[in-house]
């Protein structure tokens, strides 16, 4: 499976941006991680297709929404009320079988190319 991410760009504080990711094959879970300069890659959000359940990092819960269509092999991330600390390269990821450690980047072996999100104050 390959992942192709799109979206991102520049936004002001309080603004919104959207990211999309298209998979070339079936997945059981898809999600987003991000990596800011000098920091480790961190979990942002994930969606488990079989249950239609979404998972969020505390830092983005209530501001970001993950959605998608497992039949169309796409996942989206709507980011509202953006903050400067949301600035990072965002990576789409997925795996065939859901793992309870969905927040751990080591659980994923398939990654899309990163897309940069910059939030200016």
N, C-alpha and C. Protein backbone atom coordinates (compact mmCIF):
# COMPACT_ATOMS: atom_id res chain seq x y z
N UNK A 1 0.85 -1.19 0.00
CA UNK A 1 0.00 0.00 0.00
C UNK A 1 0.88 1.24 0.00
N UNK A 2 0.50 2.19 -0.82
CA UNK A 2 1.18 3.48 -0.83
C UNK A 2 0.19 4.57 -0.43
N UNK A 3 0.72 5.63 0.18
CA UNK A 3 -0.11 6.73 0.65
C UNK A 3 0.36 8.02 0.00
N UNK A 4 -0.63 8.81 -0.44
CA UNK A 4 -0.34 10.08 -1.08
C UNK A 4 -1.07 11.17 -0.33
N UNK A 5 -0.32 12.05 0.31
CA UNK A 5 -0.93 13.13 1.09
C UNK A 5 -0.97 14.41 0.29
N UNK A 6 -1.93 15.25 0.62
CA UNK A 6 -2.06 16.56 -0.02
C UNK A 6 -2.67 17.53 0.98
N UNK A 7 -2.58 18.80 0.64
CA UNK A 7 -3.12 19.83 1.51
C UNK A 7 -2.02 20.50 2.31
N UNK A 8 -2.43 21.13 3.39
CA UNK A 8 -1.46 21.85 4.19
C UNK A 8 -1.23 23.24 3.65
N UNK A 9 -0.16 23.86 4.12
CA UNK A 9 0.15 25.21 3.68
C UNK A 9 0.30 26.15 4.85
N UNK A 10 -0.04 27.40 4.61
CA UNK A 10 0.14 28.45 5.60
C UNK A 10 -1.21 28.94 6.10
N UNK A 11 -1.32 29.10 7.40
CA UNK A 11 -2.54 29.63 8.00
C UNK A 11 -2.16 30.57 9.14
N UNK A 12 -3.07 31.44 9.47
CA UNK A 12 -2.86 32.30 10.62
C UNK A 12 -3.42 31.65 11.87
N UNK A 13 -3.00 32.13 13.00
CA UNK A 13 -3.54 31.62 14.26
C UNK A 13 -5.06 31.77 14.27
N UNK A 14 -5.70 30.69 14.64
CA UNK A 14 -7.16 30.69 14.65
C UNK A 14 -7.78 30.26 13.33
N UNK A 15 -6.95 30.10 12.32
CA UNK A 15 -7.45 29.71 11.01
C UNK A 15 -7.62 28.21 10.87
N UNK A 16 -7.91 27.79 9.65
CA UNK A 16 -8.18 26.39 9.37
C UNK A 16 -7.43 25.91 8.13
N UNK A 17 -7.13 24.64 8.14
CA UNK A 17 -6.53 23.97 6.99
C UNK A 17 -7.04 22.54 6.95
N UNK A 18 -6.95 21.94 5.77
CA UNK A 18 -7.35 20.55 5.63
C UNK A 18 -6.25 19.75 4.96
N UNK A 19 -6.13 18.51 5.38
CA UNK A 19 -5.20 17.56 4.78
C UNK A 19 -5.99 16.37 4.26
N UNK A 20 -5.50 15.78 3.20
CA UNK A 20 -6.12 14.58 2.65
C UNK A 20 -5.04 13.55 2.37
N UNK A 21 -5.43 12.30 2.41
CA UNK A 21 -4.49 11.22 2.12
C UNK A 21 -5.24 10.12 1.38
N UNK A 22 -4.67 9.66 0.30
CA UNK A 22 -5.27 8.60 -0.50
C UNK A 22 -4.39 7.37 -0.44
N UNK A 23 -5.00 6.23 -0.16
CA UNK A 23 -4.27 4.96 -0.11
C UNK A 23 -4.48 4.18 -1.40
N UNK A 24 -3.49 3.40 -1.76
CA UNK A 24 -3.59 2.61 -2.99
C UNK A 24 -4.18 1.24 -2.74
N UNK A 25 -4.40 0.90 -1.45
CA UNK A 25 -4.96 -0.39 -1.10
C UNK A 25 -5.72 -0.31 0.20
N UNK A 26 -6.30 -1.43 0.57
CA UNK A 26 -7.15 -1.46 1.77
C UNK A 26 -6.35 -1.30 3.06
N UNK A 27 -6.95 -0.59 4.00
CA UNK A 27 -6.34 -0.42 5.31
C UNK A 27 -7.42 -0.63 6.37
N UNK A 28 -6.97 -0.96 7.57
CA UNK A 28 -7.91 -1.11 8.68
C UNK A 28 -7.96 0.13 9.54
N UNK A 29 -6.88 0.85 9.52
CA UNK A 29 -6.79 2.09 10.27
C UNK A 29 -5.89 3.05 9.51
N UNK A 30 -6.26 4.31 9.52
CA UNK A 30 -5.43 5.35 8.92
C UNK A 30 -5.33 6.50 9.90
N UNK A 31 -4.24 7.23 9.80
CA UNK A 31 -4.08 8.31 10.76
C UNK A 31 -3.05 9.32 10.32
N UNK A 32 -2.83 10.26 11.21
CA UNK A 32 -1.88 11.34 10.97
C UNK A 32 -0.95 11.49 12.17
N UNK A 33 0.31 11.69 11.86
CA UNK A 33 1.32 12.06 12.83
C UNK A 33 1.93 13.37 12.36
N UNK A 34 2.65 14.02 13.24
CA UNK A 34 3.33 15.25 12.84
C UNK A 34 4.69 15.33 13.53
N UNK A 35 5.57 16.08 12.89
CA UNK A 35 6.91 16.24 13.43
C UNK A 35 7.35 17.69 13.26
N UNK A 36 7.56 18.34 14.36
CA UNK A 36 8.04 19.71 14.36
C UNK A 36 9.57 19.69 14.37
N UNK A 37 10.18 20.76 13.93
CA UNK A 37 11.66 20.82 13.91
C UNK A 37 12.25 20.53 15.28
N UNK A 38 13.19 19.61 15.32
CA UNK A 38 13.87 19.29 16.56
C UNK A 38 13.09 18.42 17.52
N UNK A 39 11.92 17.97 17.09
CA UNK A 39 11.08 17.15 17.97
C UNK A 39 10.82 15.79 17.34
N UNK A 40 10.37 14.87 18.16
CA UNK A 40 10.02 13.55 17.67
C UNK A 40 8.66 13.57 16.99
N UNK A 41 8.45 12.58 16.16
CA UNK A 41 7.16 12.46 15.51
C UNK A 41 6.10 12.10 16.56
N UNK A 42 4.97 12.79 16.50
CA UNK A 42 3.94 12.57 17.49
C UNK A 42 2.59 12.29 16.84
N UNK A 43 1.80 11.52 17.57
CA UNK A 43 0.47 11.14 17.11
C UNK A 43 -0.45 12.35 17.09
N UNK A 44 -1.30 12.42 16.06
CA UNK A 44 -2.29 13.48 15.95
C UNK A 44 -3.71 12.89 16.01
N UNK A 45 -4.01 12.00 15.10
CA UNK A 45 -5.35 11.43 15.04
C UNK A 45 -5.33 10.14 14.23
N UNK A 46 -6.30 9.28 14.48
CA UNK A 46 -6.45 8.05 13.72
C UNK A 46 -7.91 7.66 13.65
N UNK A 47 -8.25 6.89 12.65
CA UNK A 47 -9.61 6.42 12.51
C UNK A 47 -9.59 4.94 12.20
N UNK A 48 -10.40 4.20 12.94
CA UNK A 48 -10.53 2.77 12.77
C UNK A 48 -11.77 2.51 11.93
N UNK A 49 -11.58 2.01 10.73
CA UNK A 49 -12.68 1.92 9.79
C UNK A 49 -13.78 0.97 10.26
N UNK A 50 -13.43 -0.15 10.81
CA UNK A 50 -14.44 -1.16 11.14
C UNK A 50 -15.45 -0.66 12.16
N UNK A 51 -15.01 0.22 13.04
CA UNK A 51 -15.89 0.72 14.09
C UNK A 51 -16.28 2.17 13.87
N UNK A 52 -15.66 2.78 12.86
CA UNK A 52 -15.94 4.19 12.63
C UNK A 52 -15.54 5.06 13.79
N UNK A 53 -14.52 4.61 14.51
CA UNK A 53 -14.12 5.32 15.72
C UNK A 53 -12.87 6.14 15.46
N UNK A 54 -12.87 7.35 15.99
CA UNK A 54 -11.75 8.26 15.83
C UNK A 54 -10.99 8.40 17.15
N UNK A 55 -9.71 8.62 17.05
CA UNK A 55 -8.84 8.80 18.21
C UNK A 55 -8.04 10.08 18.00
N UNK A 56 -7.84 10.83 19.06
CA UNK A 56 -7.15 12.11 18.96
C UNK A 56 -6.13 12.28 20.07
N UNK A 57 -5.08 13.00 19.74
CA UNK A 57 -4.16 13.45 20.78
C UNK A 57 -4.85 14.53 21.59
N UNK A 58 -4.49 14.61 22.85
CA UNK A 58 -5.12 15.62 23.71
C UNK A 58 -4.90 17.03 23.17
N UNK A 59 -3.76 17.24 22.55
CA UNK A 59 -3.41 18.58 22.08
C UNK A 59 -4.28 19.07 20.94
N UNK A 60 -4.98 18.16 20.26
CA UNK A 60 -5.78 18.57 19.10
C UNK A 60 -7.26 18.26 19.28
N UNK A 61 -7.60 17.52 20.31
CA UNK A 61 -9.00 17.13 20.49
C UNK A 61 -9.88 18.36 20.62
N UNK A 62 -10.98 18.36 19.88
CA UNK A 62 -11.87 19.51 19.88
C UNK A 62 -11.55 20.54 18.81
N UNK A 63 -10.37 20.45 18.23
CA UNK A 63 -9.98 21.39 17.17
C UNK A 63 -9.82 20.68 15.82
N UNK A 64 -9.34 19.45 15.86
CA UNK A 64 -9.11 18.68 14.64
C UNK A 64 -10.17 17.60 14.51
N UNK A 65 -10.53 17.30 13.26
CA UNK A 65 -11.48 16.23 12.99
C UNK A 65 -10.94 15.33 11.89
N UNK A 66 -10.87 14.05 12.19
CA UNK A 66 -10.44 13.08 11.19
C UNK A 66 -11.68 12.41 10.61
N UNK A 67 -11.67 12.22 9.32
CA UNK A 67 -12.80 11.58 8.66
C UNK A 67 -12.28 10.89 7.41
N UNK A 68 -13.17 10.20 6.74
CA UNK A 68 -12.74 9.57 5.51
C UNK A 68 -13.71 8.54 5.01
N UNK A 69 -13.28 7.81 4.04
CA UNK A 69 -14.11 6.80 3.40
C UNK A 69 -13.24 5.58 3.13
N UNK A 70 -13.49 4.50 3.85
CA UNK A 70 -12.66 3.32 3.68
C UNK A 70 -12.83 2.70 2.30
N UNK A 71 -14.02 2.86 1.72
CA UNK A 71 -14.25 2.32 0.38
C UNK A 71 -13.47 3.10 -0.67
N UNK A 72 -13.36 4.39 -0.44
CA UNK A 72 -12.62 5.24 -1.37
C UNK A 72 -11.15 5.36 -0.98
N UNK A 73 -10.79 4.72 0.14
CA UNK A 73 -9.40 4.66 0.57
C UNK A 73 -8.82 6.05 0.83
N UNK A 74 -9.62 6.92 1.42
CA UNK A 74 -9.15 8.26 1.70
C UNK A 74 -9.40 8.64 3.16
N UNK A 75 -8.53 9.44 3.69
CA UNK A 75 -8.70 9.98 5.02
C UNK A 75 -8.39 11.47 4.99
N UNK A 76 -9.16 12.22 5.74
CA UNK A 76 -9.00 13.66 5.77
C UNK A 76 -8.77 14.13 7.21
N UNK A 77 -8.11 15.27 7.33
CA UNK A 77 -7.91 15.88 8.63
C UNK A 77 -8.26 17.35 8.51
N UNK A 78 -9.34 17.73 9.16
CA UNK A 78 -9.76 19.13 9.20
C UNK A 78 -9.19 19.74 10.47
N UNK A 79 -8.42 20.81 10.30
CA UNK A 79 -7.75 21.44 11.42
C UNK A 79 -8.31 22.85 11.61
N UNK A 80 -8.98 23.06 12.72
CA UNK A 80 -9.57 24.37 13.04
C UNK A 80 -8.86 24.99 14.23
N UNK A 81 -9.07 26.28 14.38
CA UNK A 81 -8.48 27.01 15.50
C UNK A 81 -6.99 26.68 15.64
N UNK A 82 -6.28 26.82 14.56
CA UNK A 82 -4.87 26.46 14.54
C UNK A 82 -4.04 27.35 15.46
N UNK A 83 -3.02 26.73 16.04
CA UNK A 83 -2.10 27.41 16.95
C UNK A 83 -0.68 27.32 16.40
N UNK A 84 0.20 28.22 16.82
CA UNK A 84 1.59 28.15 16.35
C UNK A 84 2.23 26.79 16.61
N UNK A 85 1.86 26.16 17.70
CA UNK A 85 2.44 24.86 18.04
C UNK A 85 1.94 23.72 17.15
N UNK A 86 1.00 24.01 16.28
CA UNK A 86 0.57 23.02 15.29
C UNK A 86 1.50 22.99 14.08
N UNK A 87 2.40 23.94 14.01
CA UNK A 87 3.36 23.98 12.90
C UNK A 87 4.22 22.74 12.91
N UNK A 88 4.20 22.02 11.81
CA UNK A 88 4.94 20.77 11.70
C UNK A 88 4.78 20.19 10.30
N UNK A 89 5.56 19.18 10.03
CA UNK A 89 5.32 18.36 8.84
C UNK A 89 4.37 17.24 9.26
N UNK A 90 3.28 17.11 8.55
CA UNK A 90 2.25 16.12 8.86
C UNK A 90 2.40 14.93 7.93
N UNK A 91 2.33 13.74 8.53
CA UNK A 91 2.50 12.49 7.79
C UNK A 91 1.25 11.63 7.92
N UNK A 92 0.81 11.13 6.80
CA UNK A 92 -0.29 10.18 6.76
C UNK A 92 0.28 8.78 6.95
N UNK A 93 -0.45 7.93 7.64
CA UNK A 93 -0.01 6.57 7.84
C UNK A 93 -1.19 5.63 7.90
N UNK A 94 -0.92 4.35 7.81
CA UNK A 94 -2.00 3.37 7.88
C UNK A 94 -1.44 1.98 8.09
N UNK A 95 -2.34 1.10 8.48
CA UNK A 95 -1.97 -0.30 8.61
C UNK A 95 -3.22 -1.14 8.40
N UNK A 96 -3.03 -2.39 8.10
CA UNK A 96 -4.16 -3.24 7.77
C UNK A 96 -4.98 -3.61 9.00
N UNK A 97 -4.30 -3.89 10.09
CA UNK A 97 -4.97 -4.34 11.30
C UNK A 97 -4.80 -3.30 12.40
N UNK A 98 -5.91 -2.96 13.04
CA UNK A 98 -5.87 -1.99 14.14
C UNK A 98 -5.04 -2.54 15.29
N UNK A 99 -4.28 -1.65 15.89
CA UNK A 99 -3.49 -2.00 17.08
C UNK A 99 -3.84 -1.01 18.18
N UNK A 100 -3.95 -1.52 19.40
CA UNK A 100 -4.34 -0.63 20.49
C UNK A 100 -3.31 0.46 20.74
N UNK A 101 -2.10 0.22 20.28
CA UNK A 101 -1.06 1.25 20.38
C UNK A 101 -1.06 2.11 19.14
N UNK A 102 -2.24 2.56 18.74
CA UNK A 102 -2.41 3.33 17.51
C UNK A 102 -1.64 4.65 17.56
N UNK A 103 -1.28 5.09 18.75
CA UNK A 103 -0.61 6.37 18.95
C UNK A 103 0.90 6.25 18.81
N UNK A 104 1.38 5.03 18.65
CA UNK A 104 2.81 4.76 18.58
C UNK A 104 3.25 4.66 17.12
N UNK A 105 4.12 5.54 16.70
CA UNK A 105 4.55 5.54 15.30
C UNK A 105 5.26 4.25 14.91
N UNK A 106 5.81 3.55 15.90
CA UNK A 106 6.51 2.30 15.60
C UNK A 106 5.56 1.21 15.11
N UNK A 107 4.25 1.40 15.33
CA UNK A 107 3.27 0.41 14.89
C UNK A 107 2.98 0.50 13.39
N UNK A 108 3.47 1.53 12.76
CA UNK A 108 3.15 1.76 11.36
C UNK A 108 4.40 1.62 10.49
N UNK A 109 4.24 0.96 9.37
CA UNK A 109 5.36 0.80 8.45
C UNK A 109 5.11 1.49 7.11
N UNK A 110 3.88 1.98 6.93
CA UNK A 110 3.53 2.64 5.68
C UNK A 110 3.30 4.11 5.97
N UNK A 111 4.01 4.96 5.25
CA UNK A 111 3.92 6.40 5.46
C UNK A 111 3.81 7.13 4.11
N UNK A 112 3.02 8.17 4.11
CA UNK A 112 2.99 9.05 2.96
C UNK A 112 4.10 10.08 3.07
N UNK A 113 4.26 10.84 2.00
CA UNK A 113 5.24 11.91 2.08
C UNK A 113 4.69 12.99 3.00
N UNK A 114 5.49 13.68 3.66
CA UNK A 114 5.04 14.70 4.59
C UNK A 114 4.53 15.93 3.86
N UNK A 115 3.62 16.62 4.53
CA UNK A 115 3.12 17.87 4.01
C UNK A 115 3.23 18.92 5.11
N UNK A 116 3.74 20.09 4.76
CA UNK A 116 4.07 21.10 5.76
C UNK A 116 2.85 21.95 6.10
N UNK A 117 2.64 22.12 7.39
CA UNK A 117 1.63 23.04 7.90
C UNK A 117 2.35 24.10 8.73
N UNK A 118 2.14 25.34 8.36
CA UNK A 118 2.78 26.45 9.06
C UNK A 118 1.69 27.38 9.58
N UNK A 119 1.73 27.65 10.88
CA UNK A 119 0.76 28.54 11.50
C UNK A 119 1.50 29.77 11.98
N UNK A 120 1.14 30.90 11.45
CA UNK A 120 1.83 32.14 11.80
C UNK A 120 0.99 32.97 12.77
N UNK A 121 1.68 33.64 13.64
CA UNK A 121 0.98 34.47 14.66
C UNK A 121 1.00 35.93 14.26
